[in-house]
């Protein structure tokens, strides 16, 4: 939520459940926000130790609905000492304050004295340098698209990095690669080797249809809950999240292809040219991109039935390629032209059936071998067309998935569009711009809140806040009052 560059950050007991060291780290980071970025941080705090308590500059102490003390945090003990309740030596100040109030050691007269001396002064809130009182945020996002993408990328990388390496996956790709290499070991250039070369090429690519498609089905649904929350708070653009999340989702397959592909390529001897190997690796990457994009599209279009649809699409990709049955011998020869794997095979075939190579002692030319393998786009310099088609298909699949996701989240995005966020609430679903005038109304609301809840006899409670060094400008006055009453 800090991506919204909020003016005010409300934290409800941010140290609860933490050990003393971690609590200190959290409070120090919150204090850094006030010093480095200029965010006002307000915390309700539960039994802080002396180090945590000293990090706050001002204290708002509530008792039975009344503002008993508001001032410098370290001055609260002295204020209580002035009415006959000094803090004993070695006592933690916040513990002493709570103990004194909860045990009703302070009489009504002493409370009246405290309220009269220490609850009536509210220091003015200062604006951010260069801000004007009635400025309105023209863009509902405080951070640019590039900055949002950069921050989301760092967060996603921290979550993805521990999952990249797996001994099981290493065994899977190494053993499968070796088995494939042994099956088609050092393919020659005889007539019988044309079919073997095509099959080895097929296996080297079809792996990167199956795994990326299946693994991408759960990519977006797994992050949907957090995505809805963050979008409702106006943290970032959906497009920034989509680009980062779907791009890093391909990273495992891209890395493991560097293990599987070299083993298969050099053991089978598809060609003996390093340049062709680099080109083949590019075809593998492009196949991963297309398959991954198709999986994302299926997950958004089919929902709970995406697994079944994915298996059907994989079967279609495997069968309608011309590898097992020549396309002209099938009742649907045109089906290959809507199969992305067919174009990957044509692009890879232009490299595997290398230029200048012939078969059966020169009796079968390269173009004839490609025609026999149903790889017509790989000859006559048409490989570029297969490349263009694959790129266009990947863009179309990804664009379609994004539009479907945007449609699913239309209500969240509509709420996000209605208000430019400039204040964030820890654990809340919304953030709003706050003006000086809104904060003055918020102060009045706090006083009304104190008088209205005095009858309820609530237990003592502490609230401390860091200095109001920077307040963003906006016109959400009524919403600021609502947020204050809620807090």
Protein backbone atom coordinates (compact mmCIF):
# COMPACT_ATOMS: atom_id res chain seq x y z
CA UNK A 1 0.00 0.00 0.00
CA UNK A 2 2.99 2.32 0.25
CA UNK A 3 2.96 2.40 -3.55
CA UNK A 4 0.10 4.91 -3.22
CA UNK A 5 2.47 7.37 -1.50
CA UNK A 6 0.02 7.86 1.38
CA UNK A 7 0.03 10.92 3.61
CA UNK A 8 -1.26 8.99 6.60
CA UNK A 9 -0.63 5.38 7.66
CA UNK A 10 -2.86 3.87 10.37
CA UNK A 11 -1.42 0.76 12.05
CA UNK A 12 -3.58 -1.21 14.47
CA UNK A 13 -1.23 -2.84 17.01
CA UNK A 14 1.57 -3.59 14.51
CA UNK A 15 3.72 -5.24 17.21
CA UNK A 16 1.12 -7.65 18.61
CA UNK A 17 2.35 -11.25 18.61
CA UNK A 18 5.95 -10.27 17.91
CA UNK A 19 9.00 -10.82 20.09
CA UNK A 20 10.71 -7.72 21.46
CA UNK A 21 13.46 -7.65 18.83
CA UNK A 22 11.09 -8.00 15.86
CA UNK A 23 8.73 -5.42 17.38
CA UNK A 24 11.64 -2.98 17.62
CA UNK A 25 12.56 -3.59 13.98
CA UNK A 26 8.96 -2.97 12.85
CA UNK A 27 8.70 0.30 14.79
CA UNK A 28 12.07 1.49 13.51
CA UNK A 29 10.95 0.87 9.93
CA UNK A 30 7.74 2.81 10.57
CA UNK A 31 9.80 5.63 12.04
CA UNK A 32 12.03 5.56 8.95
CA UNK A 33 8.93 6.16 6.82
CA UNK A 34 8.23 9.37 8.72
CA UNK A 35 11.80 10.60 8.34
CA UNK A 36 12.67 9.49 4.83
CA UNK A 37 9.37 9.71 2.95
CA UNK A 38 7.39 12.11 5.09
CA UNK A 39 4.47 9.83 5.95
CA UNK A 40 2.56 10.45 9.18
CA UNK A 41 2.30 7.14 11.06
CA UNK A 42 -0.37 6.65 13.76
CA UNK A 43 -0.28 3.42 15.77
CA UNK A 44 -2.38 1.89 18.47
CA UNK A 45 0.21 0.03 20.50
CA UNK A 46 -0.13 -2.88 22.92
CA UNK A 47 2.21 -3.06 25.93
CA UNK A 48 5.27 -1.52 24.26
CA UNK A 49 8.65 -1.95 25.91
CA UNK A 50 10.74 1.11 26.70
CA UNK A 51 12.63 1.03 23.39
CA UNK A 52 9.47 0.81 21.30
CA UNK A 53 7.77 3.51 23.37
CA UNK A 54 10.69 5.90 23.03
CA UNK A 55 10.51 5.66 19.23
CA UNK A 56 7.25 7.62 19.23
CA UNK A 57 7.42 11.39 19.44
CA UNK A 58 3.83 12.05 20.52
CA UNK A 59 1.35 10.11 22.63
CA UNK A 60 -2.45 10.20 22.63
CA UNK A 61 -3.69 8.52 25.81
CA UNK A 62 -7.40 7.64 25.98
CA UNK A 63 -9.26 6.67 29.15
CA UNK A 64 -13.00 5.98 29.33
CA UNK A 65 -13.61 7.82 26.11
CA UNK A 66 -11.70 10.95 27.10
CA UNK A 67 -8.39 12.27 25.81
CA UNK A 68 -6.43 12.17 29.04
CA UNK A 69 -3.07 13.16 27.63
CA UNK A 70 -1.82 14.38 24.29
CA UNK A 71 1.73 15.56 23.95
CA UNK A 72 5.35 14.47 23.90
CA UNK A 73 5.46 10.72 24.55
CA UNK A 74 8.28 10.90 27.09
CA UNK A 75 6.44 13.66 29.00
CA UNK A 76 3.45 11.50 29.98
CA UNK A 77 5.15 10.09 33.08
CA UNK A 78 6.07 13.59 34.25
CA UNK A 79 2.45 14.71 33.71
CA UNK A 80 1.21 11.91 35.92
CA UNK A 81 3.90 12.76 38.47
CA UNK A 82 2.58 16.32 38.63
CA UNK A 83 -0.79 15.04 39.95
CA UNK A 84 0.76 12.79 42.57
CA UNK A 85 1.45 9.62 40.65
CA UNK A 86 5.18 9.58 39.83
CA UNK A 87 6.58 6.61 37.90
CA UNK A 88 8.73 4.45 40.22
CA UNK A 89 12.39 4.12 39.31
CA UNK A 90 13.07 1.31 36.85
CA UNK A 91 9.41 1.05 35.82
CA UNK A 92 8.47 0.93 32.14
CA UNK A 93 6.54 4.16 31.51
CA UNK A 94 3.69 2.73 29.36
CA UNK A 95 3.19 -0.15 31.80
CA UNK A 96 3.00 2.33 34.68
CA UNK A 97 0.50 4.52 32.82
CA UNK A 98 -1.80 1.60 32.04
CA UNK A 99 -1.51 0.18 35.55
CA UNK A 100 -2.36 3.52 37.07
CA UNK A 101 -5.46 3.96 34.92
CA UNK A 102 -6.76 0.38 34.94
CA UNK A 103 -6.49 0.19 38.75
CA UNK A 104 -8.37 3.51 39.06
CA UNK A 105 -5.58 5.17 40.99
CA UNK A 106 -6.37 8.53 39.37
CA UNK A 107 -9.29 10.36 40.93
CA UNK A 108 -11.84 12.31 38.94
CA UNK A 109 -10.28 15.58 40.07
CA UNK A 110 -6.82 14.43 38.97
CA UNK A 111 -8.22 13.31 35.62
CA UNK A 112 -9.83 16.71 35.16
CA UNK A 113 -6.48 18.33 35.90
CA UNK A 114 -4.73 16.16 33.32
CA UNK A 115 -7.41 16.81 30.71
CA UNK A 116 -7.23 20.54 31.31
CA UNK A 117 -3.46 20.69 31.02
CA UNK A 118 -2.59 18.13 28.40
CA UNK A 119 -5.52 17.36 26.05
CA UNK A 120 -6.53 20.70 24.63
CA UNK A 121 -3.55 21.56 22.41
CA UNK A 122 -3.35 20.09 18.96
CA UNK A 123 -0.23 21.10 17.03
CA UNK A 124 -0.87 22.06 13.39
CA UNK A 125 -0.20 19.48 10.73
CA UNK A 126 2.51 20.50 8.29
CA UNK A 127 2.25 19.92 4.54
CA UNK A 128 4.72 18.23 2.27
CA UNK A 129 7.24 20.63 0.74
CA UNK A 130 5.73 22.26 -2.33
CA UNK A 131 2.17 21.11 -1.57
CA UNK A 132 -0.76 23.55 -1.67
CA UNK A 133 -3.75 23.36 0.64
CA UNK A 134 -6.40 22.58 -1.96
CA UNK A 135 -4.36 20.55 -4.41
CA UNK A 136 -6.14 17.51 -5.81
CA UNK A 137 -4.22 14.48 -7.01
CA UNK A 138 -4.72 14.44 -10.78
CA UNK A 139 -3.77 10.80 -11.12
CA UNK A 140 -5.21 8.17 -8.80
CA UNK A 141 -1.79 6.47 -8.75
CA UNK A 142 1.04 8.20 -6.91
CA UNK A 143 3.71 5.96 -8.45
CA UNK A 144 4.41 5.69 -12.16
CA UNK A 145 3.77 2.44 -14.03
CA UNK A 146 7.50 1.73 -14.23
CA UNK A 147 7.98 2.26 -10.49
CA UNK A 148 5.01 0.04 -9.73
CA UNK A 149 6.43 -2.65 -12.00
CA UNK A 150 9.87 -2.34 -10.42
CA UNK A 151 8.57 -2.73 -6.87
CA UNK A 152 6.21 -5.57 -7.80
CA UNK A 153 9.08 -7.29 -9.60
CA UNK A 154 11.28 -7.17 -6.50
CA UNK A 155 8.49 -8.55 -4.33
CA UNK A 156 7.62 -11.31 -6.81
CA UNK A 157 11.29 -12.24 -7.14
CA UNK A 158 11.61 -12.68 -3.37
CA UNK A 159 8.64 -15.06 -3.48
CA UNK A 160 9.73 -16.91 -6.62
CA UNK A 161 13.45 -17.34 -5.95
CA UNK A 162 13.13 -20.07 -3.26
CA UNK A 163 10.98 -22.19 -5.59
CA UNK A 164 13.27 -22.17 -8.62
CA UNK A 165 15.55 -25.04 -7.60
CA UNK A 166 14.29 -28.56 -7.01
CA UNK A 167 16.28 -31.77 -6.91
CA UNK A 168 13.22 -33.65 -8.15
CA UNK A 169 12.90 -31.40 -11.20
CA UNK A 170 16.63 -31.69 -11.84
CA UNK A 171 16.32 -35.48 -11.94
CA UNK A 172 13.22 -35.23 -14.11
CA UNK A 173 14.78 -33.09 -16.84
CA UNK A 174 18.23 -34.70 -16.78
CA UNK A 175 16.92 -38.26 -16.93
CA UNK A 176 14.30 -37.46 -19.59
CA UNK A 177 16.94 -35.65 -21.61
CA UNK A 178 19.36 -38.57 -21.42
CA UNK A 179 16.64 -41.10 -22.31
CA UNK A 180 15.65 -39.03 -25.34
CA UNK A 181 19.27 -38.64 -26.34
CA UNK A 182 19.92 -42.37 -26.08
CA UNK A 183 16.82 -43.18 -28.13
CA UNK A 184 17.85 -40.90 -31.00
CA UNK A 185 21.60 -40.97 -30.44
CA UNK A 186 23.59 -39.21 -33.16
CA UNK A 187 21.02 -39.17 -35.96
CA UNK A 188 22.58 -39.58 -39.38
CA UNK A 189 21.59 -38.43 -42.84
CA UNK A 190 20.13 -41.57 -44.35
CA UNK A 191 16.55 -41.71 -45.64
CA UNK A 192 15.37 -43.44 -42.47
CA UNK A 193 16.90 -40.65 -40.39
CA UNK A 194 14.45 -38.06 -41.76
CA UNK A 195 11.63 -39.47 -39.63
CA UNK A 196 13.96 -39.90 -36.62
CA UNK A 197 15.14 -36.29 -36.90
CA UNK A 198 11.54 -35.02 -37.03
CA UNK A 199 10.56 -37.13 -34.01
CA UNK A 200 13.56 -35.96 -31.98
CA UNK A 201 12.70 -32.35 -32.86
CA UNK A 202 9.11 -32.98 -31.81
CA UNK A 203 10.14 -34.38 -28.41
CA UNK A 204 12.57 -31.53 -27.79
CA UNK A 205 9.70 -29.04 -28.22
CA UNK A 206 6.60 -30.85 -26.99
CA UNK A 207 7.95 -30.93 -23.42
CA UNK A 208 7.67 -27.13 -23.47
CA UNK A 209 4.05 -27.29 -24.50
CA UNK A 210 2.97 -29.61 -21.70
CA UNK A 211 4.72 -28.22 -18.60
CA UNK A 212 4.25 -24.46 -19.18
CA UNK A 213 0.56 -24.90 -20.07
CA UNK A 214 -0.22 -27.05 -17.02
CA UNK A 215 1.85 -25.00 -14.57
CA UNK A 216 0.32 -21.69 -15.67
CA UNK A 217 -3.27 -22.73 -14.93
CA UNK A 218 -3.02 -21.90 -11.22
CA UNK A 219 -0.77 -18.87 -11.61
CA UNK A 220 -3.41 -16.13 -11.45
CA UNK A 221 -6.07 -17.90 -9.32
CA UNK A 222 -3.54 -18.48 -6.51
CA UNK A 223 -2.88 -14.74 -6.20
CA UNK A 224 -6.45 -13.55 -6.72
CA UNK A 225 -7.33 -12.88 -3.06
CA UNK A 226 -4.34 -10.65 -2.45
CA UNK A 227 -4.79 -9.02 -5.86
CA UNK A 228 -8.36 -7.98 -5.06
CA UNK A 229 -7.27 -6.48 -1.75
CA UNK A 230 -4.39 -4.52 -3.24
CA UNK A 231 -6.40 -3.28 -6.21
CA UNK A 232 -9.22 -2.12 -3.95
CA UNK A 233 -6.63 -0.05 -2.07
CA UNK A 234 -5.43 1.51 -5.32
CA UNK A 235 -1.91 0.21 -4.79
CA UNK A 236 -1.01 -0.33 -8.45
CA UNK A 237 -2.37 -0.77 -11.95
CA UNK A 238 -3.66 -4.19 -12.91
CA UNK A 239 -1.46 -4.13 -16.00
CA UNK A 240 1.70 -3.72 -13.87
CA UNK A 241 0.75 -6.72 -11.73
CA UNK A 242 -0.18 -8.81 -14.78
CA UNK A 243 3.09 -8.16 -16.60
CA UNK A 244 5.21 -8.98 -13.55
CA UNK A 245 3.23 -11.97 -12.33
CA UNK A 246 2.89 -13.70 -15.70
CA UNK A 247 6.48 -12.98 -16.75
CA UNK A 248 8.06 -14.40 -13.60
CA UNK A 249 5.66 -17.33 -13.85
CA UNK A 250 7.60 -18.52 -16.91
CA UNK A 251 10.98 -18.31 -15.20
CA UNK A 252 11.13 -21.94 -13.92
CA UNK A 253 10.49 -23.37 -17.40
CA UNK A 254 12.96 -20.97 -18.99
CA UNK A 255 15.66 -22.06 -16.55
CA UNK A 256 14.95 -25.81 -16.74
CA UNK A 257 14.99 -25.67 -20.54
CA UNK A 258 18.68 -24.78 -20.20
CA UNK A 259 19.16 -28.21 -18.58
CA UNK A 260 16.99 -30.35 -20.86
CA UNK A 261 17.60 -28.78 -24.28
CA UNK A 262 21.43 -29.05 -24.49
CA UNK A 263 21.33 -32.71 -23.44
CA UNK A 264 18.78 -33.62 -26.10
CA UNK A 265 20.25 -31.46 -28.83
CA UNK A 266 23.86 -32.62 -28.65
CA UNK A 267 23.12 -36.26 -27.85
CA UNK A 268 20.71 -36.61 -30.77
CA UNK A 269 22.95 -34.58 -33.06
CA UNK A 270 20.11 -32.58 -34.62
CA UNK A 271 22.89 -30.51 -36.17
CA UNK A 272 26.56 -30.01 -35.44
CA UNK A 273 26.36 -26.21 -35.67
CA UNK A 274 26.43 -24.08 -32.53
CA UNK A 275 24.52 -21.25 -34.23
CA UNK A 276 21.67 -23.63 -35.01
CA UNK A 277 21.67 -24.75 -31.38
CA UNK A 278 21.27 -21.13 -30.19
CA UNK A 279 18.44 -20.70 -32.69
CA UNK A 280 16.80 -23.92 -31.46
CA UNK A 281 16.97 -22.63 -27.89
CA UNK A 282 15.19 -19.49 -29.08
CA UNK A 283 12.46 -21.65 -30.60
CA UNK A 284 12.12 -23.44 -27.24
CA UNK A 285 11.73 -20.10 -25.45
CA UNK A 286 9.12 -18.95 -27.94
CA UNK A 287 7.22 -22.22 -27.50
CA UNK A 288 7.27 -21.72 -23.73
CA UNK A 289 5.91 -18.20 -24.15
CA UNK A 290 3.04 -19.34 -26.35
CA UNK A 291 2.12 -22.34 -24.18
CA UNK A 292 2.33 -20.32 -20.98
CA UNK A 293 0.13 -17.61 -22.51
CA UNK A 294 -2.40 -20.23 -23.63
CA UNK A 295 -2.53 -21.67 -20.10
CA UNK A 296 -3.22 -18.23 -18.60
CA UNK A 297 -5.97 -17.63 -21.14
CA UNK A 298 -7.57 -21.02 -20.43
CA UNK A 299 -7.48 -20.42 -16.66
CA UNK A 300 -9.32 -17.12 -17.07
CA UNK A 301 -11.80 -18.34 -19.68
CA UNK A 302 -12.69 -21.75 -18.24
CA UNK A 303 -12.34 -21.37 -14.48
CA UNK A 304 -12.80 -24.68 -12.65
CA UNK A 305 -12.86 -26.61 -15.94
CA UNK A 306 -9.48 -25.26 -17.07
CA UNK A 307 -7.66 -28.53 -16.26
CA UNK A 308 -9.93 -30.56 -18.55
CA UNK A 309 -9.72 -28.00 -21.35
CA UNK A 310 -5.92 -27.88 -21.03
CA UNK A 311 -5.59 -31.66 -21.47
CA UNK A 312 -7.80 -31.53 -24.58
CA UNK A 313 -5.68 -28.72 -26.04
CA UNK A 314 -2.46 -30.62 -25.30
CA UNK A 315 -3.83 -33.72 -27.06
CA UNK A 316 -4.79 -31.60 -30.05
CA UNK A 317 -1.31 -30.04 -30.13
CA UNK A 318 0.39 -33.44 -30.06
CA UNK A 319 -1.75 -35.08 -32.76
CA UNK A 320 -2.23 -32.42 -35.42
CA UNK A 321 1.38 -31.71 -36.32
CA UNK A 322 2.08 -34.13 -39.15
CA UNK A 323 4.58 -36.07 -37.05
CA UNK A 324 2.50 -39.21 -36.53
CA UNK A 325 0.21 -39.03 -39.56
CA UNK A 326 0.85 -36.89 -42.66
CA UNK A 327 -1.51 -33.93 -42.63
CA UNK A 328 -2.94 -34.74 -46.04
CA UNK A 329 -3.99 -38.16 -44.74
CA UNK A 330 -6.12 -36.74 -41.93
CA UNK A 331 -9.78 -35.66 -42.37
CA UNK A 332 -8.85 -32.21 -41.03
CA UNK A 333 -5.57 -31.25 -42.68
CA UNK A 334 -6.24 -27.55 -42.01
CA UNK A 335 -6.28 -28.18 -38.23
CA UNK A 336 -2.49 -27.92 -38.15
CA UNK A 337 -2.73 -24.26 -39.09
CA UNK A 338 -4.51 -23.44 -35.80
CA UNK A 339 -1.98 -25.46 -33.80
CA UNK A 340 0.85 -23.31 -32.35
CA UNK A 341 3.11 -26.36 -32.00
CA UNK A 342 2.97 -26.82 -35.79
CA UNK A 343 4.62 -23.43 -36.27
CA UNK A 344 7.23 -24.21 -33.61
CA UNK A 345 8.08 -27.41 -35.48
CA UNK A 346 8.41 -25.50 -38.74
CA UNK A 347 10.66 -22.92 -37.14
CA UNK A 348 12.72 -25.63 -35.43
CA UNK A 349 12.75 -27.73 -38.61
CA UNK A 350 14.39 -24.93 -40.55
CA UNK A 351 17.31 -25.29 -38.11
CA UNK A 352 17.31 -29.07 -37.54
CA UNK A 353 17.24 -29.79 -41.29
CA UNK A 354 20.25 -27.57 -41.81
CA UNK A 355 21.03 -25.70 -45.00
CA UNK A 356 23.47 -27.52 -47.28
CA UNK A 357 22.56 -30.97 -45.95
CA UNK A 358 21.06 -33.72 -48.11
CA UNK A 359 19.90 -37.23 -47.32
CA UNK A 360 20.36 -40.76 -48.71
CA UNK A 361 23.71 -39.91 -50.27
CA UNK A 362 22.33 -36.80 -51.93
CA UNK A 363 19.28 -38.41 -53.53
CA UNK A 364 16.88 -36.55 -51.21
CA UNK A 365 17.25 -32.78 -50.92
CA UNK A 366 16.61 -30.72 -47.82
CA UNK A 367 13.35 -29.31 -49.23
CA UNK A 368 12.11 -32.80 -50.09
CA UNK A 369 12.89 -33.99 -46.57
CA UNK A 370 10.95 -31.03 -45.13
CA UNK A 371 7.99 -31.72 -47.44
CA UNK A 372 7.96 -35.38 -46.42
CA UNK A 373 7.84 -34.18 -42.78
CA UNK A 374 4.89 -31.79 -43.44
CA UNK A 375 7.14 -28.82 -42.63
CA UNK A 376 6.32 -26.71 -45.67
CA UNK A 377 6.88 -23.40 -43.85
CA UNK A 378 10.44 -24.45 -43.03
CA UNK A 379 11.47 -24.34 -46.66
CA UNK A 380 11.48 -21.63 -49.31
CA UNK A 381 12.57 -19.03 -46.74
CA UNK A 382 9.15 -19.03 -45.02
CA UNK A 383 10.45 -19.73 -41.52
CA UNK A 384 10.06 -16.02 -40.70
CA UNK A 385 6.32 -16.41 -41.20
CA UNK A 386 6.18 -19.13 -38.53
CA UNK A 387 8.07 -16.79 -36.18
CA UNK A 388 5.67 -13.91 -36.81
CA UNK A 389 2.65 -16.16 -36.28
CA UNK A 390 3.99 -17.48 -32.95
CA UNK A 391 4.70 -13.97 -31.65
CA UNK A 392 1.24 -12.79 -32.74
CA UNK A 393 -0.42 -15.81 -31.10
CA UNK A 394 1.45 -15.21 -27.82
CA UNK A 395 0.41 -11.55 -27.77
CA UNK A 396 -3.21 -12.46 -28.57
CA UNK A 397 -3.37 -15.13 -25.85
CA UNK A 398 -1.83 -12.84 -23.25
CA UNK A 399 -3.98 -9.87 -24.26
CA UNK A 400 -7.12 -12.01 -24.11
CA UNK A 401 -6.18 -13.31 -20.66
CA UNK A 402 -5.62 -9.74 -19.43
CA UNK A 403 -8.99 -8.56 -20.75
CA UNK A 404 -10.79 -11.49 -19.12
CA UNK A 405 -9.01 -10.82 -15.82
CA UNK A 406 -9.89 -7.15 -16.04
CA UNK A 407 -13.53 -8.07 -16.64
CA UNK A 408 -13.54 -10.35 -13.58
CA UNK A 409 -12.13 -7.54 -11.45
CA UNK A 410 -14.29 -4.80 -12.97
CA UNK A 411 -16.07 -4.04 -9.68
CA UNK A 412 -12.79 -3.72 -7.81
CA UNK A 413 -11.32 -1.54 -10.54
CA UNK A 414 -14.45 0.64 -10.55
CA UNK A 415 -14.06 1.29 -6.82
CA UNK A 416 -10.39 1.99 -7.39
CA UNK A 417 -11.24 4.46 -10.15
CA UNK A 418 -13.72 6.42 -8.04
CA UNK A 419 -11.19 7.76 -5.55
CA UNK A 420 -7.52 8.83 -5.91
CA UNK A 421 -5.74 7.21 -2.96
CA UNK A 422 -3.20 9.21 -1.00
CA UNK A 423 -3.59 7.73 2.48
CA UNK A 424 -3.27 4.09 3.46
CA UNK A 425 -4.62 2.05 6.35
CA UNK A 426 -2.68 -0.99 7.54
CA UNK A 427 -4.81 -4.06 6.87
CA UNK A 428 -7.68 -1.98 5.37
CA UNK A 429 -9.10 -2.09 1.88
CA UNK A 430 -9.04 1.62 1.15
CA UNK A 431 -6.84 4.65 1.12
CA UNK A 432 -7.78 8.27 0.66
CA UNK A 433 -6.24 11.69 0.17
CA UNK A 434 -6.25 13.87 3.28
CA UNK A 435 -6.06 17.65 3.44
CA UNK A 436 -5.18 20.00 6.25
CA UNK A 437 -8.80 21.05 6.52
CA UNK A 438 -9.86 17.40 6.62
CA UNK A 439 -7.44 16.76 9.47
CA UNK A 440 -8.90 19.68 11.43
CA UNK A 441 -12.31 18.10 11.02
CA UNK A 442 -10.79 14.77 12.03
CA UNK A 443 -9.53 16.35 15.25
CA UNK A 444 -13.02 17.61 16.02
CA UNK A 445 -14.37 14.15 15.29
CA UNK A 446 -11.95 12.63 17.79
CA UNK A 447 -13.19 15.02 20.47
CA UNK A 448 -16.82 14.20 19.65
CA UNK A 449 -15.87 10.53 19.72
CA UNK A 450 -14.40 10.99 23.19
CA UNK A 451 -17.51 12.63 24.59
CA UNK A 452 -19.90 10.12 22.97
CA UNK A 453 -18.05 7.07 24.26
CA UNK A 454 -17.30 8.34 27.75
CA UNK A 455 -20.43 6.65 29.05
CA UNK A 456 -19.32 3.24 27.84
CA UNK A 457 -16.57 2.90 30.43
CA UNK A 458 -13.98 1.48 28.09
CA UNK A 459 -10.65 0.23 29.46
CA UNK A 460 -7.51 2.32 29.19
CA UNK A 461 -5.92 2.33 25.78
CA UNK A 462 -2.81 3.88 24.35
CA UNK A 463 -2.32 5.39 20.95
CA UNK A 464 0.96 6.84 19.82
CA UNK A 465 1.86 8.52 16.59
CA UNK A 466 4.98 9.64 14.82
CA UNK A 467 5.37 13.31 13.81
CA UNK A 468 3.02 14.73 11.22
CA UNK A 469 5.81 15.80 8.92
CA UNK A 470 4.05 15.38 5.60
CA UNK A 471 0.37 15.50 4.70
CA UNK A 472 -0.74 15.00 1.10
CA UNK A 473 -3.31 17.33 -0.38
CA UNK A 474 -6.79 16.36 -1.61
CA UNK A 475 -10.50 17.04 -1.19
CA UNK A 476 -11.79 13.89 0.55
CA UNK A 477 -12.91 15.70 3.71
CA UNK A 478 -16.00 13.65 4.48
CA UNK A 479 -14.17 10.41 3.84
CA UNK A 480 -11.37 11.54 6.16
CA UNK A 481 -13.95 12.02 8.92
CA UNK A 482 -15.37 8.58 8.26
CA UNK A 483 -11.91 6.99 8.40
CA UNK A 484 -11.14 8.85 11.65
CA UNK A 485 -14.34 7.68 13.31
CA UNK A 486 -13.57 4.14 12.18
CA UNK A 487 -10.03 4.32 13.56
